[in-house]
Amino acid sequence: MGMGRLLIAIGVALVATGLLVNMGMPLGRLPGDFTIRRGSFSFYFPLATSVLVSVVLTLIITFVGRR
């Protein structure tokens, strides 16, 4: 039963992500994502995107972990 719930949760997460991206949510370009450009050097740190993905994954794991 655990594998079935995991697959359903992954499917729901993929559908939700697809809907958010299609509705214009700029994943990877959120206000808390940092980009530093100096000459030929560029550094990108997606802090807000990482936090958002962490929260979503935590909710999925919590949902799957319940019995």
Foldseek 3Di string as FASTA:
>chain_A
DLVVLLVVLVVVVVVVVVVCVVVPDPQQDDPPWDWDDDPPDIDTRGPVNVVVVVVSVVVSCVRSPDD
